[in-house]
N, C-alpha and C. Protein backbone atom coordinates (compact mmCIF):
# COMPACT_ATOMS: atom_id res chain seq x y z
N UNK A 1 0.83 -1.19 0.00
CA UNK A 1 0.00 0.00 0.00
C UNK A 1 0.88 1.26 0.00
N UNK A 2 1.91 1.23 0.84
CA UNK A 2 2.80 2.39 0.91
C UNK A 2 3.54 2.60 -0.41
N UNK A 3 4.01 1.50 -1.02
CA UNK A 3 4.72 1.61 -2.29
C UNK A 3 3.82 2.20 -3.38
N UNK A 4 2.57 1.76 -3.44
CA UNK A 4 1.62 2.29 -4.42
C UNK A 4 1.37 3.77 -4.17
N UNK A 5 1.24 4.16 -2.92
CA UNK A 5 1.01 5.54 -2.56
C UNK A 5 2.19 6.42 -2.99
N UNK A 6 3.40 5.98 -2.74
CA UNK A 6 4.60 6.74 -3.10
C UNK A 6 4.73 6.83 -4.63
N UNK A 7 4.44 5.74 -5.34
CA UNK A 7 4.47 5.78 -6.81
C UNK A 7 3.47 6.80 -7.35
N UNK A 8 2.29 6.83 -6.74
CA UNK A 8 1.26 7.78 -7.15
C UNK A 8 1.75 9.22 -6.99
N UNK A 9 2.40 9.51 -5.88
CA UNK A 9 2.94 10.85 -5.64
C UNK A 9 4.04 11.17 -6.65
N UNK A 10 4.93 10.21 -6.90
CA UNK A 10 6.02 10.43 -7.85
C UNK A 10 5.47 10.72 -9.25
N UNK A 11 4.44 10.02 -9.66
CA UNK A 11 3.81 10.26 -10.96
C UNK A 11 3.20 11.66 -11.02
N UNK A 12 2.55 12.07 -9.93
CA UNK A 12 1.95 13.41 -9.90
C UNK A 12 3.04 14.49 -10.00
N UNK A 13 4.16 14.30 -9.34
CA UNK A 13 5.26 15.27 -9.39
C UNK A 13 5.90 15.32 -10.79
N UNK A 14 5.93 14.19 -11.49
CA UNK A 14 6.45 14.18 -12.86
C UNK A 14 5.60 15.05 -13.76
N UNK A 15 4.28 14.95 -13.61
CA UNK A 15 3.39 15.70 -14.49
C UNK A 15 3.36 17.19 -14.14
N UNK A 16 3.67 17.54 -12.88
CA UNK A 16 3.69 18.95 -12.46
C UNK A 16 4.75 19.12 -11.36
N UNK A 17 6.03 19.20 -11.75
CA UNK A 17 7.12 19.25 -10.77
C UNK A 17 7.09 20.50 -9.88
N UNK A 18 6.43 21.56 -10.31
CA UNK A 18 6.38 22.79 -9.51
C UNK A 18 5.27 22.78 -8.47
N UNK A 19 4.45 21.77 -8.52
CA UNK A 19 3.30 21.71 -7.62
C UNK A 19 3.73 21.69 -6.16
N UNK A 20 3.01 22.43 -5.35
CA UNK A 20 3.23 22.44 -3.90
C UNK A 20 2.34 21.41 -3.20
N UNK A 21 1.61 20.65 -3.98
CA UNK A 21 0.66 19.68 -3.44
C UNK A 21 1.38 18.64 -2.59
N UNK A 22 0.80 18.30 -1.49
CA UNK A 22 1.33 17.25 -0.64
C UNK A 22 0.33 16.11 -0.57
N UNK A 23 0.81 14.94 -0.26
CA UNK A 23 -0.04 13.77 -0.07
C UNK A 23 0.08 13.34 1.39
N UNK A 24 -0.98 12.75 1.89
CA UNK A 24 -1.00 12.27 3.27
C UNK A 24 -1.56 10.85 3.28
N UNK A 25 -0.90 9.98 4.03
CA UNK A 25 -1.40 8.62 4.25
C UNK A 25 -1.23 8.31 5.73
N UNK A 26 -2.33 8.04 6.37
CA UNK A 26 -2.33 7.66 7.78
C UNK A 26 -3.13 6.37 7.88
N UNK A 27 -2.49 5.27 8.21
CA UNK A 27 -3.20 3.99 8.22
C UNK A 27 -2.96 3.24 9.51
N UNK A 28 -3.82 2.27 9.77
CA UNK A 28 -3.72 1.47 10.98
C UNK A 28 -4.32 0.09 10.73
N UNK A 29 -3.95 -0.83 11.58
CA UNK A 29 -4.58 -2.15 11.66
C UNK A 29 -4.70 -2.46 13.14
N UNK A 30 -5.90 -2.90 13.54
CA UNK A 30 -6.07 -3.26 14.95
C UNK A 30 -6.91 -4.53 15.06
N UNK A 31 -6.63 -5.28 16.10
CA UNK A 31 -7.41 -6.48 16.39
C UNK A 31 -8.70 -6.02 17.06
N UNK A 32 -9.84 -6.38 16.45
CA UNK A 32 -11.13 -6.00 17.04
C UNK A 32 -11.85 -7.20 17.63
N UNK A 33 -11.32 -8.38 17.41
CA UNK A 33 -11.89 -9.58 18.00
C UNK A 33 -10.92 -10.73 17.86
N UNK A 34 -10.86 -11.55 18.89
CA UNK A 34 -9.96 -12.71 18.83
C UNK A 34 -10.46 -13.76 19.80
N UNK A 35 -10.53 -14.99 19.31
CA UNK A 35 -10.82 -16.12 20.17
C UNK A 35 -9.97 -17.29 19.68
N UNK A 36 -10.29 -18.50 20.10
CA UNK A 36 -9.44 -19.64 19.76
C UNK A 36 -9.44 -19.97 18.27
N UNK A 37 -10.43 -19.50 17.52
CA UNK A 37 -10.49 -19.83 16.10
C UNK A 37 -10.40 -18.63 15.17
N UNK A 38 -10.94 -17.49 15.59
CA UNK A 38 -11.09 -16.35 14.68
C UNK A 38 -10.33 -15.14 15.18
N UNK A 39 -9.64 -14.49 14.25
CA UNK A 39 -9.02 -13.19 14.52
C UNK A 39 -9.67 -12.21 13.55
N UNK A 40 -10.28 -11.17 14.10
CA UNK A 40 -10.91 -10.14 13.28
C UNK A 40 -10.07 -8.88 13.35
N UNK A 41 -9.66 -8.39 12.18
CA UNK A 41 -8.83 -7.18 12.09
C UNK A 41 -9.61 -6.08 11.41
N UNK A 42 -9.40 -4.86 11.87
CA UNK A 42 -9.92 -3.67 11.20
C UNK A 42 -8.73 -2.93 10.63
N UNK A 43 -8.79 -2.63 9.35
CA UNK A 43 -7.74 -1.89 8.64
C UNK A 43 -8.36 -0.59 8.17
N UNK A 44 -7.69 0.48 8.39
CA UNK A 44 -8.29 1.74 7.95
C UNK A 44 -7.30 2.86 7.90
N UNK A 45 -7.83 4.05 7.70
CA UNK A 45 -6.99 5.22 7.68
C UNK A 45 -7.59 6.35 6.90
N UNK A 46 -6.72 7.29 6.60
CA UNK A 46 -7.07 8.51 5.89
C UNK A 46 -6.04 8.75 4.80
N UNK A 47 -6.50 9.14 3.62
CA UNK A 47 -5.61 9.42 2.49
C UNK A 47 -6.02 10.76 1.88
N UNK A 48 -5.02 11.59 1.61
CA UNK A 48 -5.23 12.81 0.83
C UNK A 48 -4.27 12.78 -0.33
N UNK A 49 -4.81 12.87 -1.56
CA UNK A 49 -4.00 12.86 -2.76
C UNK A 49 -4.43 13.98 -3.70
N UNK A 50 -4.66 15.14 -3.12
CA UNK A 50 -5.12 16.26 -3.91
C UNK A 50 -6.64 16.29 -3.95
N UNK A 51 -7.17 17.27 -4.62
CA UNK A 51 -8.61 17.37 -4.73
C UNK A 51 -9.22 18.17 -3.60
N UNK A 52 -10.52 18.12 -3.49
CA UNK A 52 -11.24 18.93 -2.52
C UNK A 52 -11.03 18.47 -1.09
N UNK A 53 -10.84 17.18 -0.90
CA UNK A 53 -10.69 16.63 0.45
C UNK A 53 -10.11 15.23 0.36
N UNK A 54 -9.64 14.76 1.48
CA UNK A 54 -9.16 13.39 1.56
C UNK A 54 -10.31 12.44 1.78
N UNK A 55 -9.98 11.23 2.10
CA UNK A 55 -11.01 10.23 2.35
C UNK A 55 -10.57 9.24 3.39
N UNK A 56 -11.54 8.73 4.12
CA UNK A 56 -11.29 7.71 5.12
C UNK A 56 -11.73 6.36 4.59
N UNK A 57 -11.14 5.32 5.13
CA UNK A 57 -11.48 3.96 4.71
C UNK A 57 -11.43 3.05 5.92
N UNK A 58 -12.38 2.12 6.00
CA UNK A 58 -12.35 1.05 6.99
C UNK A 58 -12.61 -0.26 6.26
N UNK A 59 -11.77 -1.23 6.49
CA UNK A 59 -11.92 -2.56 5.90
C UNK A 59 -11.69 -3.62 6.95
N UNK A 60 -12.08 -4.85 6.64
CA UNK A 60 -11.97 -5.93 7.62
C UNK A 60 -11.27 -7.14 7.03
N UNK A 61 -10.58 -7.85 7.92
CA UNK A 61 -10.02 -9.17 7.61
C UNK A 61 -10.52 -10.10 8.69
N UNK A 62 -11.12 -11.21 8.29
CA UNK A 62 -11.58 -12.25 9.20
C UNK A 62 -10.69 -13.46 8.97
N UNK A 63 -9.85 -13.78 9.94
CA UNK A 63 -8.82 -14.78 9.74
C UNK A 63 -9.05 -16.00 10.61
N UNK A 64 -9.04 -17.17 9.99
CA UNK A 64 -9.17 -18.43 10.71
C UNK A 64 -7.76 -18.88 11.11
N UNK A 65 -7.48 -18.80 12.41
CA UNK A 65 -6.14 -19.13 12.91
C UNK A 65 -5.81 -20.60 12.79
N UNK A 66 -6.81 -21.46 12.71
CA UNK A 66 -6.55 -22.90 12.61
C UNK A 66 -6.20 -23.32 11.19
N UNK A 67 -6.83 -22.69 10.19
CA UNK A 67 -6.56 -23.05 8.80
C UNK A 67 -5.64 -22.06 8.10
N UNK A 68 -5.33 -20.95 8.79
CA UNK A 68 -4.51 -19.89 8.20
C UNK A 68 -5.06 -19.39 6.87
N UNK A 69 -6.36 -19.07 6.88
CA UNK A 69 -6.96 -18.51 5.67
C UNK A 69 -8.03 -17.50 6.05
N UNK A 70 -8.34 -16.65 5.07
CA UNK A 70 -9.39 -15.65 5.23
C UNK A 70 -10.74 -16.36 5.27
N UNK A 71 -11.63 -15.94 6.15
CA UNK A 71 -12.95 -16.53 6.26
C UNK A 71 -13.90 -15.78 5.33
N UNK A 72 -14.54 -16.51 4.43
CA UNK A 72 -15.51 -15.92 3.52
C UNK A 72 -16.93 -16.20 4.02
N UNK A 73 -17.89 -15.51 3.46
CA UNK A 73 -19.28 -15.78 3.83
C UNK A 73 -19.66 -17.21 3.44
N UNK A 74 -19.09 -17.73 2.37
CA UNK A 74 -19.34 -19.11 1.97
C UNK A 74 -18.85 -20.12 2.98
N UNK A 75 -17.89 -19.71 3.83
CA UNK A 75 -17.39 -20.59 4.88
C UNK A 75 -18.35 -20.68 6.07
N UNK A 76 -19.18 -19.66 6.26
CA UNK A 76 -20.05 -19.65 7.44
C UNK A 76 -21.54 -19.72 7.11
N UNK A 77 -21.89 -19.50 5.83
CA UNK A 77 -23.29 -19.52 5.43
C UNK A 77 -23.55 -20.66 4.44
N UNK A 78 -24.77 -21.14 4.42
CA UNK A 78 -25.13 -22.26 3.55
C UNK A 78 -25.05 -21.86 2.08
N UNK A 79 -24.95 -22.86 1.21
CA UNK A 79 -24.96 -22.60 -0.23
C UNK A 79 -26.25 -21.88 -0.61
N UNK A 80 -26.16 -20.92 -1.49
CA UNK A 80 -27.32 -20.18 -1.95
C UNK A 80 -27.82 -19.15 -0.95
N UNK A 81 -26.96 -18.72 -0.04
CA UNK A 81 -27.35 -17.77 1.01
C UNK A 81 -27.61 -16.36 0.49
N UNK A 82 -27.05 -15.99 -0.65
CA UNK A 82 -27.03 -14.60 -1.10
C UNK A 82 -28.41 -13.92 -1.14
N UNK A 83 -29.41 -14.50 -1.79
CA UNK A 83 -30.71 -13.80 -1.84
C UNK A 83 -31.32 -13.58 -0.44
N UNK A 84 -31.26 -14.58 0.40
CA UNK A 84 -31.83 -14.45 1.75
C UNK A 84 -31.10 -13.42 2.58
N UNK A 85 -29.77 -13.45 2.52
CA UNK A 85 -28.97 -12.50 3.29
C UNK A 85 -29.22 -11.08 2.79
N UNK A 86 -29.28 -10.90 1.49
CA UNK A 86 -29.52 -9.57 0.92
C UNK A 86 -30.90 -9.04 1.32
N UNK A 87 -31.89 -9.90 1.29
CA UNK A 87 -33.25 -9.48 1.66
C UNK A 87 -33.30 -9.02 3.12
N UNK A 88 -32.70 -9.79 4.01
CA UNK A 88 -32.67 -9.43 5.43
C UNK A 88 -31.88 -8.14 5.64
N UNK A 89 -30.73 -8.05 4.98
CA UNK A 89 -29.89 -6.86 5.11
C UNK A 89 -30.61 -5.61 4.60
N UNK A 90 -31.33 -5.74 3.50
CA UNK A 90 -32.05 -4.57 2.97
C UNK A 90 -33.13 -4.12 3.95
N UNK A 91 -33.83 -5.05 4.57
CA UNK A 91 -34.86 -4.68 5.54
C UNK A 91 -34.24 -3.91 6.70
N UNK A 92 -33.10 -4.38 7.19
CA UNK A 92 -32.41 -3.69 8.29
C UNK A 92 -31.90 -2.33 7.83
N UNK A 93 -31.32 -2.28 6.64
CA UNK A 93 -30.82 -1.03 6.07
C UNK A 93 -31.93 0.00 5.97
N UNK A 94 -33.07 -0.39 5.43
CA UNK A 94 -34.19 0.53 5.27
C UNK A 94 -34.69 1.03 6.63
N UNK A 95 -34.72 0.15 7.61
CA UNK A 95 -35.13 0.57 8.96
C UNK A 95 -34.13 1.58 9.51
N UNK A 96 -32.84 1.29 9.38
CA UNK A 96 -31.80 2.21 9.87
C UNK A 96 -31.86 3.56 9.19
N UNK A 97 -32.19 3.56 7.90
CA UNK A 97 -32.23 4.79 7.11
C UNK A 97 -33.60 5.47 7.16
N UNK A 98 -34.53 4.86 7.90
CA UNK A 98 -35.90 5.39 8.03
C UNK A 98 -36.59 5.47 6.67
N UNK A 99 -36.47 4.39 5.90
CA UNK A 99 -37.09 4.28 4.59
C UNK A 99 -38.20 3.24 4.62
N UNK A 100 -39.24 3.46 3.85
CA UNK A 100 -40.28 2.45 3.73
C UNK A 100 -39.77 1.29 2.88
N UNK A 101 -40.50 0.20 2.88
CA UNK A 101 -40.10 -0.98 2.12
C UNK A 101 -40.11 -0.73 0.61
N UNK A 102 -40.84 0.29 0.18
CA UNK A 102 -40.94 0.56 -1.26
C UNK A 102 -40.25 1.85 -1.69
N UNK A 103 -39.65 2.57 -0.76
CA UNK A 103 -38.97 3.82 -1.11
C UNK A 103 -37.83 3.55 -2.09
N UNK A 104 -37.69 4.41 -3.07
CA UNK A 104 -36.65 4.26 -4.08
C UNK A 104 -35.26 4.48 -3.47
N UNK A 105 -34.31 3.67 -3.92
CA UNK A 105 -32.92 3.85 -3.52
C UNK A 105 -32.12 4.55 -4.62
N UNK A 106 -32.80 4.91 -5.70
CA UNK A 106 -32.12 5.48 -6.87
C UNK A 106 -31.70 6.93 -6.68
N UNK A 107 -32.45 7.72 -5.93
CA UNK A 107 -32.18 9.15 -5.86
C UNK A 107 -31.12 9.54 -4.82
N UNK A 108 -31.13 8.93 -3.67
CA UNK A 108 -30.25 9.36 -2.58
C UNK A 108 -29.12 8.40 -2.27
N UNK A 109 -29.03 7.33 -3.03
CA UNK A 109 -27.99 6.31 -2.78
C UNK A 109 -27.32 5.96 -4.10
N UNK A 110 -26.14 5.38 -4.01
CA UNK A 110 -25.36 5.05 -5.20
C UNK A 110 -25.41 3.57 -5.55
N UNK A 111 -26.45 2.86 -5.13
CA UNK A 111 -26.56 1.44 -5.48
C UNK A 111 -26.77 1.32 -6.98
N UNK A 112 -26.13 0.34 -7.59
CA UNK A 112 -26.24 0.10 -9.03
C UNK A 112 -27.70 -0.12 -9.40
N UNK A 113 -28.20 0.67 -10.33
CA UNK A 113 -29.58 0.59 -10.82
C UNK A 113 -30.60 0.75 -9.69
N UNK A 114 -30.20 1.42 -8.60
CA UNK A 114 -31.12 1.67 -7.50
C UNK A 114 -31.51 0.44 -6.71
N UNK A 115 -30.72 -0.64 -6.85
CA UNK A 115 -31.04 -1.91 -6.18
C UNK A 115 -30.06 -2.15 -5.03
N UNK A 116 -30.59 -2.38 -3.84
CA UNK A 116 -29.76 -2.61 -2.66
C UNK A 116 -28.79 -3.77 -2.91
N UNK A 117 -27.58 -3.63 -2.40
CA UNK A 117 -26.58 -4.69 -2.50
C UNK A 117 -25.64 -4.62 -1.30
N UNK A 118 -25.22 -5.77 -0.86
CA UNK A 118 -24.19 -5.84 0.17
C UNK A 118 -22.83 -5.76 -0.51
N UNK A 119 -21.86 -5.18 0.18
CA UNK A 119 -20.50 -5.18 -0.33
C UNK A 119 -19.74 -6.36 0.28
N UNK A 120 -18.47 -6.43 0.07
CA UNK A 120 -17.64 -7.51 0.62
C UNK A 120 -16.87 -7.07 1.85
N UNK A 121 -17.26 -5.97 2.45
CA UNK A 121 -16.53 -5.38 3.58
C UNK A 121 -17.28 -5.67 4.88
N UNK A 122 -17.01 -6.83 5.45
CA UNK A 122 -17.73 -7.27 6.65
C UNK A 122 -16.76 -7.84 7.68
N UNK A 123 -17.22 -7.79 8.91
CA UNK A 123 -16.50 -8.40 10.02
C UNK A 123 -17.43 -9.38 10.72
N UNK A 124 -16.89 -10.52 11.06
CA UNK A 124 -17.63 -11.51 11.83
C UNK A 124 -17.44 -11.15 13.30
N UNK A 125 -18.53 -10.73 13.94
CA UNK A 125 -18.46 -10.30 15.34
C UNK A 125 -19.28 -11.25 16.20
N UNK A 126 -19.15 -11.19 17.51
CA UNK A 126 -19.97 -12.04 18.37
C UNK A 126 -21.48 -11.75 18.26
N UNK A 127 -21.86 -10.56 17.81
CA UNK A 127 -23.28 -10.20 17.73
C UNK A 127 -23.90 -10.40 16.35
N UNK A 128 -23.08 -10.43 15.32
CA UNK A 128 -23.60 -10.59 13.96
C UNK A 128 -22.58 -10.16 12.93
N UNK A 129 -23.02 -10.08 11.69
CA UNK A 129 -22.14 -9.62 10.61
C UNK A 129 -22.20 -8.10 10.56
N UNK A 130 -21.04 -7.47 10.63
CA UNK A 130 -20.95 -6.02 10.62
C UNK A 130 -20.39 -5.57 9.27
N UNK A 131 -21.19 -4.83 8.54
CA UNK A 131 -20.78 -4.29 7.25
C UNK A 131 -20.50 -2.80 7.38
N UNK A 132 -19.50 -2.34 6.64
CA UNK A 132 -19.21 -0.91 6.52
C UNK A 132 -19.21 -0.56 5.03
N UNK A 133 -19.99 0.47 4.70
CA UNK A 133 -19.91 1.08 3.37
C UNK A 133 -19.10 2.36 3.57
N UNK A 134 -18.00 2.48 2.87
CA UNK A 134 -17.13 3.64 3.00
C UNK A 134 -17.67 4.84 2.23
N UNK A 135 -17.03 5.99 2.48
CA UNK A 135 -17.43 7.23 1.81
C UNK A 135 -17.49 7.01 0.30
N UNK A 136 -18.50 7.61 -0.32
CA UNK A 136 -18.76 7.54 -1.76
C UNK A 136 -19.23 6.16 -2.24
N UNK A 137 -19.24 5.17 -1.38
CA UNK A 137 -19.63 3.84 -1.84
C UNK A 137 -21.14 3.77 -2.11
N UNK A 138 -21.94 4.27 -1.17
CA UNK A 138 -23.40 4.26 -1.39
C UNK A 138 -24.04 5.62 -1.12
N UNK A 139 -23.25 6.57 -0.60
CA UNK A 139 -23.76 7.90 -0.28
C UNK A 139 -22.69 8.94 -0.60
N UNK A 140 -23.08 10.21 -0.63
CA UNK A 140 -22.10 11.27 -0.86
C UNK A 140 -21.05 11.33 0.26
N UNK A 141 -19.93 11.95 -0.05
CA UNK A 141 -18.82 12.10 0.90
C UNK A 141 -19.30 12.63 2.26
N UNK A 142 -20.13 13.67 2.24
CA UNK A 142 -20.57 14.33 3.48
C UNK A 142 -21.35 13.40 4.39
N UNK A 143 -21.94 12.33 3.85
CA UNK A 143 -22.70 11.38 4.66
C UNK A 143 -21.79 10.43 5.44
N UNK A 144 -20.51 10.39 5.09
CA UNK A 144 -19.57 9.53 5.80
C UNK A 144 -19.82 8.06 5.54
N UNK A 145 -19.40 7.24 6.49
CA UNK A 145 -19.57 5.80 6.38
C UNK A 145 -20.96 5.39 6.86
N UNK A 146 -21.41 4.26 6.34
CA UNK A 146 -22.67 3.68 6.77
C UNK A 146 -22.38 2.29 7.32
N UNK A 147 -22.85 2.04 8.52
CA UNK A 147 -22.65 0.74 9.17
C UNK A 147 -23.96 -0.04 9.15
N UNK A 148 -23.87 -1.32 8.93
CA UNK A 148 -25.02 -2.21 8.91
C UNK A 148 -24.66 -3.46 9.70
N UNK A 149 -25.42 -3.76 10.73
CA UNK A 149 -25.18 -4.96 11.52
C UNK A 149 -26.34 -5.92 11.32
N UNK A 150 -26.03 -7.14 10.92
CA UNK A 150 -27.03 -8.17 10.72
C UNK A 150 -26.89 -9.17 11.86
N UNK A 151 -27.80 -9.12 12.83
CA UNK A 151 -27.70 -10.04 13.98
C UNK A 151 -27.86 -11.50 13.55
N UNK A 152 -27.16 -12.39 14.25
CA UNK A 152 -27.27 -13.81 13.94
C UNK A 152 -28.69 -14.32 14.10
N UNK A 153 -29.45 -13.74 15.03
CA UNK A 153 -30.84 -14.15 15.21
C UNK A 153 -31.64 -13.98 13.92
N UNK A 154 -31.26 -13.01 13.10
CA UNK A 154 -31.96 -12.75 11.84
C UNK A 154 -31.56 -13.73 10.73
N UNK A 155 -30.36 -14.30 10.83
CA UNK A 155 -29.86 -15.15 9.74
C UNK A 155 -29.53 -16.57 10.20
N UNK A 156 -30.04 -16.98 11.35
CA UNK A 156 -29.67 -18.29 11.89
C UNK A 156 -29.99 -19.43 10.92
N UNK A 157 -31.03 -19.29 10.11
CA UNK A 157 -31.38 -20.35 9.13
C UNK A 157 -30.38 -20.40 7.98
N UNK A 158 -29.59 -19.34 7.81
CA UNK A 158 -28.59 -19.30 6.74
C UNK A 158 -27.21 -19.76 7.21
N UNK A 159 -27.06 -19.95 8.50
CA UNK A 159 -25.75 -20.27 9.08
C UNK A 159 -25.43 -21.76 8.98
N UNK A 160 -24.18 -22.06 8.65
CA UNK A 160 -23.70 -23.44 8.71
C UNK A 160 -23.55 -23.81 10.18
N UNK A 161 -24.00 -25.00 10.58
CA UNK A 161 -23.99 -25.35 12.00
C UNK A 161 -22.61 -25.50 12.63
N UNK A 162 -21.59 -25.84 11.88
CA UNK A 162 -20.28 -26.06 12.47
C UNK A 162 -19.22 -25.16 11.87
N UNK A 163 -19.60 -23.93 11.60
CA UNK A 163 -18.66 -22.98 11.03
C UNK A 163 -17.94 -22.23 12.15
N UNK A 164 -17.00 -21.43 11.76
CA UNK A 164 -16.24 -20.63 12.71
C UNK A 164 -17.12 -19.62 13.45
N UNK A 165 -18.27 -19.26 12.87
CA UNK A 165 -19.17 -18.30 13.50
C UNK A 165 -20.30 -18.97 14.28
N UNK A 166 -20.43 -20.27 14.17
CA UNK A 166 -21.55 -20.95 14.84
C UNK A 166 -21.49 -20.80 16.36
N UNK A 167 -20.30 -20.64 16.92
CA UNK A 167 -20.19 -20.40 18.37
C UNK A 167 -20.97 -19.16 18.78
N UNK A 168 -21.01 -18.14 17.93
CA UNK A 168 -21.72 -16.90 18.23
C UNK A 168 -23.22 -17.10 18.06
N UNK A 169 -23.61 -17.86 17.05
CA UNK A 169 -25.02 -18.12 16.82
C UNK A 169 -25.60 -18.83 18.03
N UNK A 170 -24.90 -19.82 18.51
CA UNK A 170 -25.39 -20.59 19.64
C UNK A 170 -25.54 -19.71 20.88
N UNK A 171 -24.64 -18.76 21.09
CA UNK A 171 -24.70 -17.88 22.25
C UNK A 171 -25.79 -16.84 22.11
N UNK A 172 -25.99 -16.32 20.90
CA UNK A 172 -26.88 -15.17 20.70
C UNK A 172 -28.24 -15.48 20.11
N UNK A 173 -28.42 -16.64 19.54
CA UNK A 173 -29.69 -16.94 18.89
C UNK A 173 -30.47 -18.06 19.58
N UNK A 174 -29.91 -18.59 20.65
CA UNK A 174 -30.61 -19.62 21.38
C UNK A 174 -30.70 -20.94 20.64
N UNK A 175 -29.72 -21.23 19.78
CA UNK A 175 -29.73 -22.48 19.01
C UNK A 175 -28.93 -23.52 19.75
């Protein structure tokens, strides 16, 4: 990430060597959850590369310490989970945004063709799946980030019974 950032600055200076423009990169990684099987990391920061303003970013890594691999939704949810998960997530999103079930998403949001969609930026937490939409992803810069939490109680029928997240389902959903 740092190498790409420095290359970007070097390219900008080549095109305008007299520019007084500066770039800023402030990044972090922190452990936000850890147990015997799962390590959840939050990666984020702030970048300024010219323009009207910089931007913030938050991303997640869900790491299975036993298999040494990234945990995907396919690892914790049943096959064909996507439509059900999206439907539940949209209902929660609309409630959080104070929208009716039929309100258009085309005018005030940046969803493709005005249709709600989940991104791939999620963290597996003890309470549920936590999604973050970063600036400009679904709303204007001034709206900042949008957080969406999908409790396990809402998706327990979509959960694999012996996945890395099933320990949380059992604690929080009464299964």
